[in-house]
Each structure stands twice: as structure tokens, then as C-alpha cells.
Amino acid sequence: MSELKISPELLQISPEVQDALKNK
């Protein structure tokens, strides 16, 4: 998933959760 195409819902997620999703 491209970070540039992150959905607005993901932007509302805490940075810690976003980092966890990236490491997945």
C-alpha cells in the first residue's frame, strides 16, 4: 500500500498503529 494513497480513516489512526501496519 502506497503511503500517498492512505485513506482518511488511516490518517485518524494513531501513529503507533500506522507504524505497526507498515511493519506488517
PDB file of N, CA and C in Angstrom:
ATOM      1  N   MET A   1       0.847  -1.213   0.000  1.00  0.00           N
ATOM      2  CA  MET A   1       0.000   0.000   0.000  1.00  0.00           C
ATOM      3  C   MET A   1       0.874   1.251   0.000  1.00  0.00           C
ATOM      4  N   SER A   2       0.575   2.152  -0.909  1.00  0.00           N
ATOM      5  CA  SER A   2       1.378   3.379  -1.001  1.00  0.00           C
ATOM      6  C   SER A   2       0.965   4.372   0.079  1.00  0.00           C
ATOM      7  N   GLU A   3       1.963   4.961   0.739  1.00  0.00           N
ATOM      8  CA  GLU A   3       1.647   5.918   1.800  1.00  0.00           C
ATOM      9  C   GLU A   3       0.908   7.128   1.231  1.00  0.00           C
ATOM     10  N   LEU A   4       1.148   7.415  -0.058  1.00  0.00           N
ATOM     11  CA  LEU A   4       0.500   8.571  -0.671  1.00  0.00           C
ATOM     12  C   LEU A   4      -0.987   8.318  -0.866  1.00  0.00           C
ATOM     13  N   LYS A   5      -1.364   7.035  -0.896  1.00  0.00           N
ATOM     14  CA  LYS A   5      -2.778   6.705  -1.122  1.00  0.00           C
ATOM     15  C   LYS A   5      -3.440   6.252   0.169  1.00  0.00           C
ATOM     16  N   ILE A   6      -2.924   6.752   1.295  1.00  0.00           N
ATOM     17  CA  ILE A   6      -3.520   6.373   2.594  1.00  0.00           C
ATOM     18  C   ILE A   6      -4.923   6.969   2.703  1.00  0.00           C
ATOM     19  N   SER A   7      -5.861   6.173   3.138  1.00  0.00           N
ATOM     20  CA  SER A   7      -7.248   6.647   3.252  1.00  0.00           C
ATOM     21  C   SER A   7      -7.403   7.547   4.478  1.00  0.00           C
ATOM     22  N   PRO A   8      -8.352   8.472   4.444  1.00  0.00           N
ATOM     23  CA  PRO A   8      -8.600   9.398   5.562  1.00  0.00           C
ATOM     24  C   PRO A   8      -8.793   8.656   6.874  1.00  0.00           C
ATOM     25  N   GLU A   9      -9.387   7.476   6.805  1.00  0.00           N
ATOM     26  CA  GLU A   9      -9.607   6.705   8.034  1.00  0.00           C
ATOM     27  C   GLU A   9      -8.276   6.332   8.670  1.00  0.00           C
ATOM     28  N   LEU A  10      -7.302   5.970   7.837  1.00  0.00           N
ATOM     29  CA  LEU A  10      -5.993   5.589   8.373  1.00  0.00           C
ATOM     30  C   LEU A  10      -5.295   6.798   8.977  1.00  0.00           C
ATOM     31  N   LEU A  11      -5.554   7.976   8.418  1.00  0.00           N
ATOM     32  CA  LEU A  11      -4.914   9.192   8.931  1.00  0.00           C
ATOM     33  C   LEU A  11      -5.385   9.479  10.353  1.00  0.00           C
ATOM     34  N   GLN A  12      -6.583   8.989  10.682  1.00  0.00           N
ATOM     35  CA  GLN A  12      -7.120   9.234  12.020  1.00  0.00           C
ATOM     36  C   GLN A  12      -6.553   8.237  13.027  1.00  0.00           C
ATOM     37  N   ILE A  13      -5.951   7.159  12.505  1.00  0.00           N
ATOM     38  CA  ILE A  13      -5.358   6.149  13.393  1.00  0.00           C
ATOM     39  C   ILE A  13      -4.084   6.709  14.043  1.00  0.00           C
ATOM     40  N   SER A  14      -3.824   6.311  15.264  1.00  0.00           N
ATOM     41  CA  SER A  14      -2.632   6.814  15.948  1.00  0.00           C
ATOM     42  C   SER A  14      -1.372   6.408  15.196  1.00  0.00           C
ATOM     43  N   PRO A  15      -0.336   7.252  15.241  1.00  0.00           N
ATOM     44  CA  PRO A  15       0.937   6.992  14.557  1.00  0.00           C
ATOM     45  C   PRO A  15       1.496   5.624  14.927  1.00  0.00           C
ATOM     46  N   GLU A  16       1.309   5.219  16.167  1.00  0.00           N
ATOM     47  CA  GLU A  16       1.841   3.916  16.594  1.00  0.00           C
ATOM     48  C   GLU A  16       1.178   2.790  15.819  1.00  0.00           C
ATOM     49  N   VAL A  17      -0.115   2.921  15.603  1.00  0.00           N
ATOM     50  CA  VAL A  17      -0.848   1.889  14.859  1.00  0.00           C
ATOM     51  C   VAL A  17      -0.420   1.910  13.400  1.00  0.00           C
ATOM     52  N   GLN A  18      -0.238   3.102  12.838  1.00  0.00           N
ATOM     53  CA  GLN A  18       0.194   3.204  11.444  1.00  0.00           C
ATOM     54  C   GLN A  18       1.552   2.533  11.270  1.00  0.00           C
ATOM     55  N   ASP A  19       2.448   2.735  12.228  1.00  0.00           N
ATOM     56  CA  ASP A  19       3.781   2.131  12.138  1.00  0.00           C
ATOM     57  C   ASP A  19       3.669   0.609  12.181  1.00  0.00           C
ATOM     58  N   ALA A  20       2.775   0.117  13.017  1.00  0.00           N
ATOM     59  CA  ALA A  20       2.587  -1.333  13.129  1.00  0.00           C
ATOM     60  C   ALA A  20       2.061  -1.892  11.809  1.00  0.00           C
ATOM     61  N   LEU A  21       1.165  -1.160  11.164  1.00  0.00           N
ATOM     62  CA  LEU A  21       0.610  -1.631   9.889  1.00  0.00           C
ATOM     63  C   LEU A  21       1.692  -1.640   8.818  1.00  0.00           C
ATOM     64  N   LYS A  22       2.605  -0.670   8.880  1.00  0.00           N
ATOM     65  CA  LYS A  22       3.679  -0.609   7.870  1.00  0.00           C
ATOM     66  C   LYS A  22       4.630  -1.790   8.039  1.00  0.00           C
ATOM     67  N   ASN A  23       4.881  -2.171   9.299  1.00  0.00           N
ATOM     68  CA  ASN A  23       5.812  -3.275   9.555  1.00  0.00           C
ATOM     69  C   ASN A  23       5.184  -4.614   9.192  1.00  0.00           C
ATOM     70  N   LYS A  24       3.859  -4.635   9.039  1.00  0.00           N
ATOM     71  CA  LYS A  24       3.157  -5.893   8.769  1.00  0.00           C
ATOM     72  C   LYS A  24       3.552  -6.419   7.398  1.00  0.00           C
TER      73      LYS A  24
END
